[in-house]
Amino acid sequence: MIPELVFATNNKYKTEEVGKLLENQYRVLNLTDIGCLVDIPETGDSFEENAALKSSYVAEHYQMDCFADDSGLEIDALNNEPGIFSARYSGERDDRKNLELVLSKLTGVENRKAHFKTVISLVKGDENFFFEGVVYGNIRETPVGDQGFGYDPIFEPEGYDRTFAQMSMAEKNEISHRAIAMKKLIAFLKDQA
């Protein structure tokens, strides 16, 4: 029987992305699957703190091993904004409004370097482990592509002439910040088996 591992998210796209990466090793459940309807507060000052708040909440309240990630886009010219506020940069959870705000702040700005960062917190038993993934790239002037979510239509990873939103999930899973962090998590879980 494949062991279960909770991913502390309600984002179906993220659950699907990670589920594909962990296929045949773990059955990945999300918050809805375990009946957790609480919006776990992300009140930390860093990706690490926010990820740990979420994974620890699930482990404590549901007695299940859990991992959570906190991810965001950090743009050099905006002093690493939107950072931990990426999902609500415009003041609400609206991908289109967040993306438009970034583009408006970058109007006329030549330095468009940015990176996506993910930190995963895994609570296994009574220990907490962290895994980080970063992918560097540039912000396009206009959105391109209809795959993915969030800032994917304006982020072009280094070495590519396409945005994340122009890549299939399989392509993105090879190079994304979440995939890099997940590969570290998977290697750790295999080593623990």
N, C-alpha and C. Protein backbone atom coordinates (compact mmCIF):
# COMPACT_ATOMS: atom_id res chain seq x y z
N MET A 1 0.83 -1.19 0.00
CA MET A 1 0.00 0.00 0.00
C MET A 1 0.88 1.25 0.00
N ILE A 2 0.52 2.20 -0.85
CA ILE A 2 1.29 3.43 -0.96
C ILE A 2 1.00 4.32 0.26
N PRO A 3 2.04 4.79 0.95
CA PRO A 3 1.80 5.65 2.12
C PRO A 3 1.21 7.00 1.72
N GLU A 4 0.49 7.59 2.66
CA GLU A 4 -0.12 8.89 2.42
C GLU A 4 0.73 10.00 3.03
N LEU A 5 0.74 11.10 2.35
CA LEU A 5 1.47 12.28 2.80
C LEU A 5 0.60 13.48 2.47
N VAL A 6 0.40 14.35 3.44
CA VAL A 6 -0.45 15.51 3.22
C VAL A 6 0.38 16.67 2.69
N PHE A 7 -0.13 17.30 1.65
CA PHE A 7 0.43 18.54 1.14
C PHE A 7 -0.52 19.64 1.61
N ALA A 8 -0.05 20.52 2.47
CA ALA A 8 -0.90 21.53 3.09
C ALA A 8 -1.23 22.65 2.11
N THR A 9 -2.14 22.35 1.19
CA THR A 9 -2.59 23.32 0.20
C THR A 9 -4.00 22.96 -0.24
N ASN A 10 -4.71 23.94 -0.76
CA ASN A 10 -5.99 23.70 -1.43
C ASN A 10 -5.86 23.99 -2.92
N ASN A 11 -4.66 24.37 -3.35
CA ASN A 11 -4.43 24.71 -4.74
C ASN A 11 -4.35 23.42 -5.57
N LYS A 12 -5.38 23.19 -6.37
CA LYS A 12 -5.44 21.93 -7.14
C LYS A 12 -4.31 21.81 -8.14
N TYR A 13 -3.84 22.95 -8.68
CA TYR A 13 -2.73 22.91 -9.65
C TYR A 13 -1.44 22.45 -8.96
N LYS A 14 -1.18 23.02 -7.79
CA LYS A 14 0.01 22.63 -7.04
C LYS A 14 -0.07 21.16 -6.62
N THR A 15 -1.25 20.74 -6.17
CA THR A 15 -1.43 19.34 -5.75
C THR A 15 -1.16 18.40 -6.93
N GLU A 16 -1.69 18.79 -8.10
CA GLU A 16 -1.50 17.97 -9.30
C GLU A 16 -0.03 17.93 -9.71
N GLU A 17 0.63 19.08 -9.69
CA GLU A 17 2.07 19.15 -10.02
C GLU A 17 2.87 18.21 -9.13
N VAL A 18 2.65 18.35 -7.82
CA VAL A 18 3.43 17.57 -6.85
C VAL A 18 3.03 16.09 -6.90
N GLY A 19 1.75 15.82 -7.08
CA GLY A 19 1.29 14.44 -7.19
C GLY A 19 1.99 13.69 -8.31
N LYS A 20 2.21 14.37 -9.43
CA LYS A 20 2.91 13.74 -10.55
C LYS A 20 4.37 13.46 -10.19
N LEU A 21 4.98 14.37 -9.43
CA LEU A 21 6.38 14.18 -9.03
C LEU A 21 6.55 13.03 -8.04
N LEU A 22 5.52 12.76 -7.25
CA LEU A 22 5.60 11.71 -6.22
C LEU A 22 4.86 10.42 -6.60
N GLU A 23 4.42 10.33 -7.85
CA GLU A 23 3.68 9.16 -8.31
C GLU A 23 4.37 7.87 -7.90
N ASN A 24 3.57 6.90 -7.49
CA ASN A 24 4.01 5.56 -7.12
C ASN A 24 4.84 5.49 -5.83
N GLN A 25 5.11 6.64 -5.20
CA GLN A 25 5.87 6.63 -3.95
C GLN A 25 4.99 7.01 -2.77
N TYR A 26 4.15 8.03 -2.99
CA TYR A 26 3.22 8.48 -1.95
C TYR A 26 1.91 8.87 -2.61
N ARG A 27 0.85 8.67 -1.88
CA ARG A 27 -0.44 9.22 -2.30
C ARG A 27 -0.53 10.59 -1.67
N VAL A 28 -0.50 11.62 -2.49
CA VAL A 28 -0.50 12.98 -1.99
C VAL A 28 -1.94 13.45 -1.77
N LEU A 29 -2.23 13.81 -0.53
CA LEU A 29 -3.54 14.34 -0.16
C LEU A 29 -3.39 15.84 0.07
N ASN A 30 -4.45 16.59 -0.21
CA ASN A 30 -4.41 18.00 0.12
C ASN A 30 -5.34 18.29 1.29
N LEU A 31 -5.46 19.54 1.67
CA LEU A 31 -6.26 19.90 2.84
C LEU A 31 -7.72 19.50 2.69
N THR A 32 -8.27 19.65 1.51
CA THR A 32 -9.66 19.26 1.27
C THR A 32 -9.83 17.76 1.49
N ASP A 33 -8.87 16.98 1.02
CA ASP A 33 -8.94 15.52 1.16
C ASP A 33 -9.01 15.07 2.62
N ILE A 34 -8.36 15.81 3.51
CA ILE A 34 -8.36 15.40 4.94
C ILE A 34 -9.42 16.15 5.75
N GLY A 35 -10.21 16.98 5.06
CA GLY A 35 -11.29 17.70 5.74
C GLY A 35 -10.83 18.93 6.50
N CYS A 36 -9.67 19.45 6.16
CA CYS A 36 -9.17 20.67 6.81
C CYS A 36 -9.67 21.87 6.02
N LEU A 37 -10.63 22.57 6.58
CA LEU A 37 -11.23 23.71 5.89
C LEU A 37 -10.73 25.05 6.43
N VAL A 38 -9.77 24.99 7.34
CA VAL A 38 -9.21 26.19 7.96
C VAL A 38 -8.24 26.87 6.99
N ASP A 39 -8.34 28.18 6.89
CA ASP A 39 -7.35 28.93 6.12
C ASP A 39 -6.17 29.18 7.07
N ILE A 40 -5.16 28.33 6.99
CA ILE A 40 -4.03 28.39 7.92
C ILE A 40 -3.29 29.71 7.71
N PRO A 41 -3.18 30.53 8.75
CA PRO A 41 -2.55 31.85 8.59
C PRO A 41 -1.07 31.75 8.21
N GLU A 42 -0.68 32.57 7.24
CA GLU A 42 0.71 32.68 6.84
C GLU A 42 1.23 34.00 7.38
N THR A 43 1.59 34.01 8.65
CA THR A 43 1.98 35.25 9.33
C THR A 43 3.48 35.37 9.51
N GLY A 44 4.24 34.46 8.91
CA GLY A 44 5.69 34.49 9.04
C GLY A 44 6.32 35.62 8.23
N ASP A 45 7.59 35.87 8.50
CA ASP A 45 8.34 36.91 7.79
C ASP A 45 9.23 36.35 6.69
N SER A 46 9.10 35.04 6.44
CA SER A 46 9.94 34.42 5.41
C SER A 46 9.19 33.22 4.83
N PHE A 47 9.68 32.74 3.69
CA PHE A 47 9.10 31.54 3.09
C PHE A 47 9.20 30.36 4.06
N GLU A 48 10.35 30.25 4.76
CA GLU A 48 10.57 29.15 5.71
C GLU A 48 9.52 29.17 6.82
N GLU A 49 9.31 30.35 7.41
CA GLU A 49 8.35 30.45 8.52
C GLU A 49 6.93 30.12 8.06
N ASN A 50 6.54 30.63 6.91
CA ASN A 50 5.18 30.36 6.42
C ASN A 50 4.97 28.89 6.11
N ALA A 51 5.96 28.25 5.50
CA ALA A 51 5.84 26.82 5.19
C ALA A 51 5.73 26.02 6.48
N ALA A 52 6.55 26.37 7.48
CA ALA A 52 6.53 25.64 8.76
C ALA A 52 5.22 25.83 9.50
N LEU A 53 4.63 27.00 9.43
CA LEU A 53 3.33 27.24 10.09
C LEU A 53 2.28 26.28 9.55
N LYS A 54 2.28 26.11 8.23
CA LYS A 54 1.26 25.26 7.59
C LYS A 54 1.49 23.78 7.89
N SER A 55 2.72 23.31 7.71
CA SER A 55 2.98 21.87 7.92
C SER A 55 2.79 21.49 9.38
N SER A 56 3.20 22.36 10.28
CA SER A 56 3.06 22.09 11.72
C SER A 56 1.60 22.06 12.14
N TYR A 57 0.79 22.93 11.57
CA TYR A 57 -0.64 22.97 11.90
C TYR A 57 -1.30 21.62 11.56
N VAL A 58 -1.04 21.12 10.37
CA VAL A 58 -1.65 19.85 9.94
C VAL A 58 -1.14 18.69 10.79
N ALA A 59 0.17 18.65 11.02
CA ALA A 59 0.74 17.57 11.83
C ALA A 59 0.14 17.56 13.23
N GLU A 60 -0.03 18.74 13.80
CA GLU A 60 -0.56 18.85 15.16
C GLU A 60 -2.05 18.51 15.24
N HIS A 61 -2.84 18.99 14.28
CA HIS A 61 -4.29 18.82 14.35
C HIS A 61 -4.80 17.53 13.71
N TYR A 62 -4.02 16.93 12.80
CA TYR A 62 -4.49 15.73 12.09
C TYR A 62 -3.59 14.52 12.31
N GLN A 63 -2.50 14.69 13.06
CA GLN A 63 -1.55 13.61 13.35
C GLN A 63 -1.13 12.85 12.09
N MET A 64 -0.80 13.61 11.05
CA MET A 64 -0.33 13.03 9.80
C MET A 64 0.97 13.73 9.40
N ASP A 65 1.88 12.96 8.80
CA ASP A 65 3.07 13.59 8.24
C ASP A 65 2.60 14.55 7.15
N CYS A 66 3.23 15.69 7.11
CA CYS A 66 2.75 16.74 6.21
C CYS A 66 3.91 17.57 5.70
N PHE A 67 3.77 18.02 4.47
CA PHE A 67 4.70 19.01 3.97
C PHE A 67 3.91 20.18 3.43
N ALA A 68 4.52 21.34 3.51
CA ALA A 68 3.90 22.55 3.00
C ALA A 68 4.98 23.36 2.33
N ASP A 69 4.56 24.11 1.34
CA ASP A 69 5.54 24.98 0.70
C ASP A 69 5.06 26.42 0.79
N ASP A 70 6.00 27.29 0.71
CA ASP A 70 5.69 28.69 0.48
C ASP A 70 6.58 29.11 -0.66
N SER A 71 5.97 29.73 -1.63
CA SER A 71 6.67 30.08 -2.84
C SER A 71 6.37 31.52 -3.20
N GLY A 72 7.25 32.08 -3.97
CA GLY A 72 6.98 33.43 -4.44
C GLY A 72 7.95 33.86 -5.49
N LEU A 73 7.58 34.95 -6.11
CA LEU A 73 8.40 35.57 -7.13
C LEU A 73 9.14 36.73 -6.50
N GLU A 74 10.44 36.78 -6.70
CA GLU A 74 11.25 37.89 -6.19
C GLU A 74 11.91 38.58 -7.37
N ILE A 75 11.63 39.88 -7.50
CA ILE A 75 12.10 40.65 -8.65
C ILE A 75 13.17 41.63 -8.19
N ASP A 76 14.34 41.55 -8.81
CA ASP A 76 15.48 42.37 -8.39
C ASP A 76 15.13 43.86 -8.31
N ALA A 77 14.53 44.39 -9.37
CA ALA A 77 14.26 45.83 -9.44
C ALA A 77 13.20 46.29 -8.45
N LEU A 78 12.45 45.37 -7.88
CA LEU A 78 11.41 45.71 -6.91
C LEU A 78 11.83 45.33 -5.48
N ASN A 79 13.15 45.27 -5.25
CA ASN A 79 13.67 44.89 -3.91
C ASN A 79 13.10 43.56 -3.44
N ASN A 80 13.06 42.60 -4.36
CA ASN A 80 12.57 41.23 -4.12
C ASN A 80 11.07 41.14 -3.85
N GLU A 81 10.31 42.18 -4.18
CA GLU A 81 8.85 42.05 -4.17
C GLU A 81 8.46 41.24 -5.40
N PRO A 82 7.30 40.61 -5.36
CA PRO A 82 6.32 40.53 -4.29
C PRO A 82 6.70 39.57 -3.16
N GLY A 83 7.67 38.69 -3.35
CA GLY A 83 8.17 37.83 -2.27
C GLY A 83 7.08 37.04 -1.57
N ILE A 84 7.07 37.09 -0.23
CA ILE A 84 6.10 36.28 0.54
C ILE A 84 4.66 36.75 0.32
N PHE A 85 4.50 37.91 -0.33
CA PHE A 85 3.15 38.43 -0.60
C PHE A 85 2.70 38.12 -2.04
N SER A 86 3.40 37.23 -2.73
CA SER A 86 3.13 36.96 -4.14
C SER A 86 1.67 36.62 -4.42
N ALA A 87 1.06 35.78 -3.60
CA ALA A 87 -0.32 35.33 -3.87
C ALA A 87 -1.34 36.44 -3.66
N ARG A 88 -0.99 37.44 -2.86
CA ARG A 88 -1.94 38.53 -2.56
C ARG A 88 -1.32 39.89 -2.81
N TYR A 89 -0.46 39.97 -3.78
CA TYR A 89 0.29 41.20 -4.03
C TYR A 89 -0.61 42.40 -4.31
N SER A 90 -1.71 42.16 -5.00
CA SER A 90 -2.63 43.25 -5.33
C SER A 90 -3.61 43.53 -4.20
N GLY A 91 -3.47 42.79 -3.10
CA GLY A 91 -4.38 42.95 -1.97
C GLY A 91 -5.42 41.85 -1.92
N GLU A 92 -5.45 41.00 -2.93
CA GLU A 92 -6.38 39.87 -2.94
C GLU A 92 -5.76 38.71 -3.72
N ARG A 93 -6.36 37.54 -3.56
CA ARG A 93 -5.88 36.36 -4.30
C ARG A 93 -6.47 36.40 -5.71
N ASP A 94 -5.80 37.11 -6.59
CA ASP A 94 -6.27 37.25 -7.97
C ASP A 94 -5.03 37.26 -8.87
N ASP A 95 -4.80 36.13 -9.54
CA ASP A 95 -3.60 35.99 -10.36
C ASP A 95 -3.46 37.12 -11.37
N ARG A 96 -4.56 37.46 -12.05
CA ARG A 96 -4.50 38.49 -13.10
C ARG A 96 -4.13 39.85 -12.52
N LYS A 97 -4.76 40.23 -11.41
CA LYS A 97 -4.47 41.53 -10.79
C LYS A 97 -3.04 41.59 -10.25
N ASN A 98 -2.57 40.48 -9.67
CA ASN A 98 -1.20 40.43 -9.16
C ASN A 98 -0.19 40.62 -10.30
N LEU A 99 -0.43 39.90 -11.38
CA LEU A 99 0.45 39.96 -12.55
C LEU A 99 0.44 41.37 -13.15
N GLU A 100 -0.73 41.97 -13.26
CA GLU A 100 -0.83 43.32 -13.81
C GLU A 100 -0.10 44.34 -12.94
N LEU A 101 -0.17 44.17 -11.62
CA LEU A 101 0.52 45.08 -10.71
C LEU A 101 2.03 45.00 -10.91
N VAL A 102 2.55 43.78 -11.03
CA VAL A 102 3.98 43.61 -11.28
C VAL A 102 4.38 44.30 -12.57
N LEU A 103 3.62 44.06 -13.64
CA LEU A 103 3.95 44.67 -14.93
C LEU A 103 3.89 46.19 -14.87
N SER A 104 2.90 46.73 -14.16
CA SER A 104 2.80 48.19 -14.07
C SER A 104 3.99 48.77 -13.29
N LYS A 105 4.44 48.08 -12.24
CA LYS A 105 5.59 48.57 -11.46
C LYS A 105 6.90 48.47 -12.25
N LEU A 106 6.92 47.59 -13.25
CA LEU A 106 8.13 47.41 -14.05
C LEU A 106 8.12 48.21 -15.35
N THR A 107 7.08 49.01 -15.56
CA THR A 107 7.01 49.82 -16.77
C THR A 107 8.25 50.70 -16.88
N GLY A 108 8.95 50.58 -18.00
CA GLY A 108 10.14 51.38 -18.25
C GLY A 108 11.39 50.90 -17.52
N VAL A 109 11.30 49.82 -16.77
CA VAL A 109 12.45 49.30 -16.03
C VAL A 109 13.21 48.31 -16.91
N GLU A 110 14.51 48.54 -17.07
CA GLU A 110 15.31 47.65 -17.92
C GLU A 110 15.70 46.36 -17.22
N ASN A 111 16.07 46.44 -15.94
CA ASN A 111 16.47 45.24 -15.20
C ASN A 111 15.22 44.43 -14.88
N ARG A 112 15.04 43.33 -15.57
CA ARG A 112 13.85 42.50 -15.39
C ARG A 112 14.21 41.13 -14.80
N LYS A 113 15.39 41.08 -14.17
CA LYS A 113 15.82 39.82 -13.55
C LYS A 113 14.94 39.49 -12.36
N ALA A 114 14.66 38.21 -12.23
CA ALA A 114 13.80 37.74 -11.14
C ALA A 114 14.09 36.28 -10.87
N HIS A 115 13.56 35.80 -9.77
CA HIS A 115 13.65 34.36 -9.51
C HIS A 115 12.41 33.92 -8.73
N PHE A 116 12.02 32.70 -8.99
CA PHE A 116 10.99 32.05 -8.20
C PHE A 116 11.70 31.24 -7.12
N LYS A 117 11.16 31.28 -5.91
CA LYS A 117 11.75 30.53 -4.81
C LYS A 117 10.66 29.73 -4.12
N THR A 118 10.98 28.50 -3.78
CA THR A 118 10.10 27.64 -2.99
C THR A 118 10.88 27.12 -1.80
N VAL A 119 10.24 27.14 -0.64
CA VAL A 119 10.79 26.46 0.53
C VAL A 119 9.73 25.47 0.99
N ILE A 120 10.14 24.22 1.17
CA ILE A 120 9.25 23.17 1.66
C ILE A 120 9.62 22.85 3.10
N SER A 121 8.60 22.77 3.94
CA SER A 121 8.77 22.32 5.32
C SER A 121 8.08 20.97 5.42
N LEU A 122 8.83 19.96 5.84
CA LEU A 122 8.29 18.62 6.04
C LEU A 122 8.29 18.32 7.53
N VAL A 123 7.10 18.06 8.07
CA VAL A 123 7.01 17.60 9.45
C VAL A 123 6.79 16.09 9.37
N LYS A 124 7.78 15.36 9.83
CA LYS A 124 7.74 13.89 9.83
C LYS A 124 8.04 13.46 11.25
N GLY A 125 7.04 12.84 11.88
CA GLY A 125 7.19 12.52 13.30
C GLY A 125 7.23 13.82 14.08
N ASP A 126 8.26 14.01 14.85
CA ASP A 126 8.35 15.26 15.62
C ASP A 126 9.51 16.14 15.13
N GLU A 127 9.93 15.92 13.88
CA GLU A 127 11.02 16.71 13.32
C GLU A 127 10.53 17.53 12.14
N ASN A 128 11.21 18.66 11.91
CA ASN A 128 10.89 19.52 10.78
C ASN A 128 12.13 19.65 9.90
N PHE A 129 11.95 19.38 8.61
CA PHE A 129 13.04 19.43 7.65
C PHE A 129 12.69 20.45 6.57
N PHE A 130 13.70 21.15 6.03
CA PHE A 130 13.46 22.18 5.02
C PHE A 130 14.22 21.87 3.74
N PHE A 131 13.58 22.20 2.61
CA PHE A 131 14.14 21.98 1.28
C PHE A 131 13.85 23.22 0.44
N GLU A 132 14.86 23.70 -0.30
CA GLU A 132 14.69 24.94 -1.06
C GLU A 132 14.95 24.72 -2.54
N GLY A 133 14.21 25.43 -3.36
CA GLY A 133 14.42 25.42 -4.80
C GLY A 133 14.31 26.83 -5.35
N VAL A 134 15.22 27.18 -6.25
CA VAL A 134 15.22 28.51 -6.87
C VAL A 134 15.44 28.34 -8.37
N VAL A 135 14.69 29.10 -9.16
CA VAL A 135 14.91 29.14 -10.60
C VAL A 135 14.98 30.61 -11.01
N TYR A 136 16.04 30.93 -11.77
CA TYR A 136 16.30 32.31 -12.17
C TYR A 136 15.76 32.57 -13.57
N GLY A 137 15.42 33.82 -13.82
CA GLY A 137 14.92 34.18 -15.14
C GLY A 137 14.66 35.66 -15.25
N ASN A 138 13.76 36.00 -16.16
CA ASN A 138 13.42 37.39 -16.43
C ASN A 138 11.90 37.55 -16.55
N ILE A 139 11.44 38.78 -16.32
CA ILE A 139 10.03 39.09 -16.45
C ILE A 139 9.77 39.65 -17.84
N ARG A 140 8.87 39.02 -18.55
CA ARG A 140 8.46 39.49 -19.87
C ARG A 140 7.64 40.77 -19.73
N GLU A 141 7.56 41.53 -20.79
CA GLU A 141 6.79 42.78 -20.76
C GLU A 141 5.29 42.53 -20.90
N THR A 142 4.94 41.41 -21.53
CA THR A 142 3.52 41.06 -21.68
C THR A 142 3.34 39.57 -21.38
N PRO A 143 2.19 39.19 -20.85
CA PRO A 143 1.93 37.77 -20.56
C PRO A 143 1.84 36.94 -21.85
N VAL A 144 2.42 35.73 -21.78
CA VAL A 144 2.37 34.82 -22.92
C VAL A 144 2.13 33.40 -22.40
N GLY A 145 1.17 32.70 -22.99
CA GLY A 145 0.90 31.31 -22.63
C GLY A 145 -0.32 31.16 -21.75
N ASP A 146 -0.86 29.94 -21.76
CA ASP A 146 -2.10 29.70 -21.00
C ASP A 146 -2.00 28.48 -20.08
N GLN A 147 -0.78 28.00 -19.85
CA GLN A 147 -0.58 26.89 -18.91
C GLN A 147 -0.21 27.46 -17.54
N GLY A 148 -0.24 26.61 -16.52
CA GLY A 148 0.23 27.02 -15.21
C GLY A 148 -0.71 27.99 -14.52
N PHE A 149 -0.13 28.79 -13.61
CA PHE A 149 -0.93 29.70 -12.80
C PHE A 149 -0.03 30.82 -12.29
N GLY A 150 -0.62 31.77 -11.59
CA GLY A 150 0.16 32.83 -10.97
C GLY A 150 0.91 33.68 -11.98
N TYR A 151 2.21 33.82 -11.75
CA TYR A 151 3.05 34.68 -12.58
C TYR A 151 3.66 33.92 -13.76
N ASP A 152 3.27 32.67 -13.96
CA ASP A 152 3.84 31.85 -15.04
C ASP A 152 3.84 32.53 -16.41
N PRO A 153 2.78 33.29 -16.78
CA PRO A 153 2.76 33.90 -18.12
C PRO A 153 3.79 35.01 -18.33
N ILE A 154 4.41 35.53 -17.27
CA ILE A 154 5.40 36.60 -17.46
C ILE A 154 6.81 36.18 -17.06
N PHE A 155 6.98 34.96 -16.56
CA PHE A 155 8.30 34.52 -16.12
C PHE A 155 8.94 33.61 -17.16
N GLU A 156 10.08 34.06 -17.68
CA GLU A 156 10.85 33.28 -18.65
C GLU A 156 12.12 32.80 -17.98
N PRO A 157 12.22 31.48 -17.71
CA PRO A 157 13.41 30.98 -17.03
C PRO A 157 14.67 31.11 -17.89
N GLU A 158 15.81 31.28 -17.21
CA GLU A 158 17.09 31.39 -17.91
C GLU A 158 17.31 30.20 -18.82
N GLY A 159 17.81 30.48 -20.02
CA GLY A 159 18.11 29.41 -20.97
C GLY A 159 16.92 29.01 -21.83
N TYR A 160 15.78 29.67 -21.66
CA TYR A 160 14.58 29.35 -22.44
C TYR A 160 14.05 30.61 -23.11
N ASP A 161 13.36 30.43 -24.22
CA ASP A 161 12.73 31.57 -24.89
C ASP A 161 11.22 31.49 -24.77
N ARG A 162 10.77 30.76 -23.73
CA ARG A 162 9.34 30.61 -23.46
C ARG A 162 9.09 30.87 -21.99
N THR A 163 7.87 31.27 -21.67
CA THR A 163 7.48 31.45 -20.27
C THR A 163 7.06 30.10 -19.69
N PHE A 164 6.96 30.04 -18.36
CA PHE A 164 6.42 28.84 -17.71
C PHE A 164 5.04 28.51 -18.26
N ALA A 165 4.26 29.54 -18.60
CA ALA A 165 2.89 29.33 -19.07
C ALA A 165 2.84 28.79 -20.49
N GLN A 166 3.97 28.74 -21.18
CA GLN A 166 4.03 28.15 -22.51
C GLN A 166 4.55 26.71 -22.47
N MET A 167 4.87 26.24 -21.27
CA MET A 167 5.42 24.89 -21.12
C MET A 167 4.34 23.94 -20.63
N SER A 168 4.48 22.68 -21.02
CA SER A 168 3.60 21.67 -20.47
C SER A 168 3.96 21.47 -19.00
N MET A 169 3.07 20.84 -18.26
CA MET A 169 3.36 20.57 -16.85
C MET A 169 4.62 19.72 -16.73
N ALA A 170 4.80 18.76 -17.64
CA ALA A 170 5.98 17.89 -17.60
C ALA A 170 7.26 18.71 -17.79
N GLU A 171 7.24 19.64 -18.75
CA GLU A 171 8.42 20.49 -18.99
C GLU A 171 8.71 21.36 -17.78
N LYS A 172 7.68 22.00 -17.24
CA LYS A 172 7.86 22.88 -16.09
C LYS A 172 8.36 22.08 -14.89
N ASN A 173 7.85 20.85 -14.71
CA ASN A 173 8.26 20.02 -13.59
C ASN A 173 9.73 19.61 -13.65
N GLU A 174 10.34 19.75 -14.80
CA GLU A 174 11.76 19.43 -14.92
C GLU A 174 12.63 20.54 -14.36
N ILE A 175 12.15 21.80 -14.40
CA ILE A 175 13.03 22.92 -14.09
C ILE A 175 12.51 23.90 -13.03
N SER A 176 11.26 23.76 -12.62
CA SER A 176 10.67 24.77 -11.74
C SER A 176 11.27 24.77 -10.34
N HIS A 177 11.12 25.89 -9.66
CA HIS A 177 11.56 26.04 -8.28
C HIS A 177 10.92 24.99 -7.38
N ARG A 178 9.63 24.74 -7.58
CA ARG A 178 8.93 23.73 -6.77
C ARG A 178 9.49 22.34 -7.08
N ALA A 179 9.77 22.08 -8.35
CA ALA A 179 10.32 20.78 -8.73
C ALA A 179 11.70 20.57 -8.12
N ILE A 180 12.52 21.62 -8.10
CA ILE A 180 13.86 21.51 -7.51
C ILE A 180 13.75 21.18 -6.02
N ALA A 181 12.88 21.92 -5.31
CA ALA A 181 12.69 21.66 -3.88
C ALA A 181 12.08 20.27 -3.66
N MET A 182 11.12 19.89 -4.53
CA MET A 182 10.47 18.59 -4.40
C MET A 182 11.46 17.45 -4.64
N LYS A 183 12.37 17.63 -5.59
CA LYS A 183 13.37 16.58 -5.84
C LYS A 183 14.24 16.36 -4.60
N LYS A 184 14.54 17.45 -3.90
CA LYS A 184 15.31 17.34 -2.65
C LYS A 184 14.48 16.61 -1.59
N LEU A 185 13.18 16.95 -1.51
CA LEU A 185 12.28 16.28 -0.57
C LEU A 185 12.16 14.80 -0.91
N ILE A 186 11.98 14.47 -2.18
CA ILE A 186 11.83 13.08 -2.61
C ILE A 186 13.08 12.27 -2.29
N ALA A 187 14.25 12.86 -2.58
CA ALA A 187 15.51 12.16 -2.27
C ALA A 187 15.61 11.89 -0.76
N PHE A 188 15.19 12.86 0.02
CA PHE A 188 15.20 12.69 1.48
C PHE A 188 14.25 11.59 1.90
N LEU A 189 13.03 11.57 1.36
CA LEU A 189 12.04 10.57 1.73
C LEU A 189 12.51 9.16 1.33
N LYS A 190 13.14 9.04 0.17
CA LYS A 190 13.66 7.74 -0.27
C LYS A 190 14.77 7.27 0.66
N ASP A 191 15.59 8.21 1.10
CA ASP A 191 16.70 7.88 1.98
C ASP A 191 16.19 7.43 3.35
N GLN A 192 15.03 7.94 3.75
CA GLN A 192 14.44 7.60 5.05
C GLN A 192 13.72 6.25 5.02
N ALA A 193 13.38 5.79 3.82
CA ALA A 193 12.59 4.55 3.69
C ALA A 193 13.35 3.32 4.12
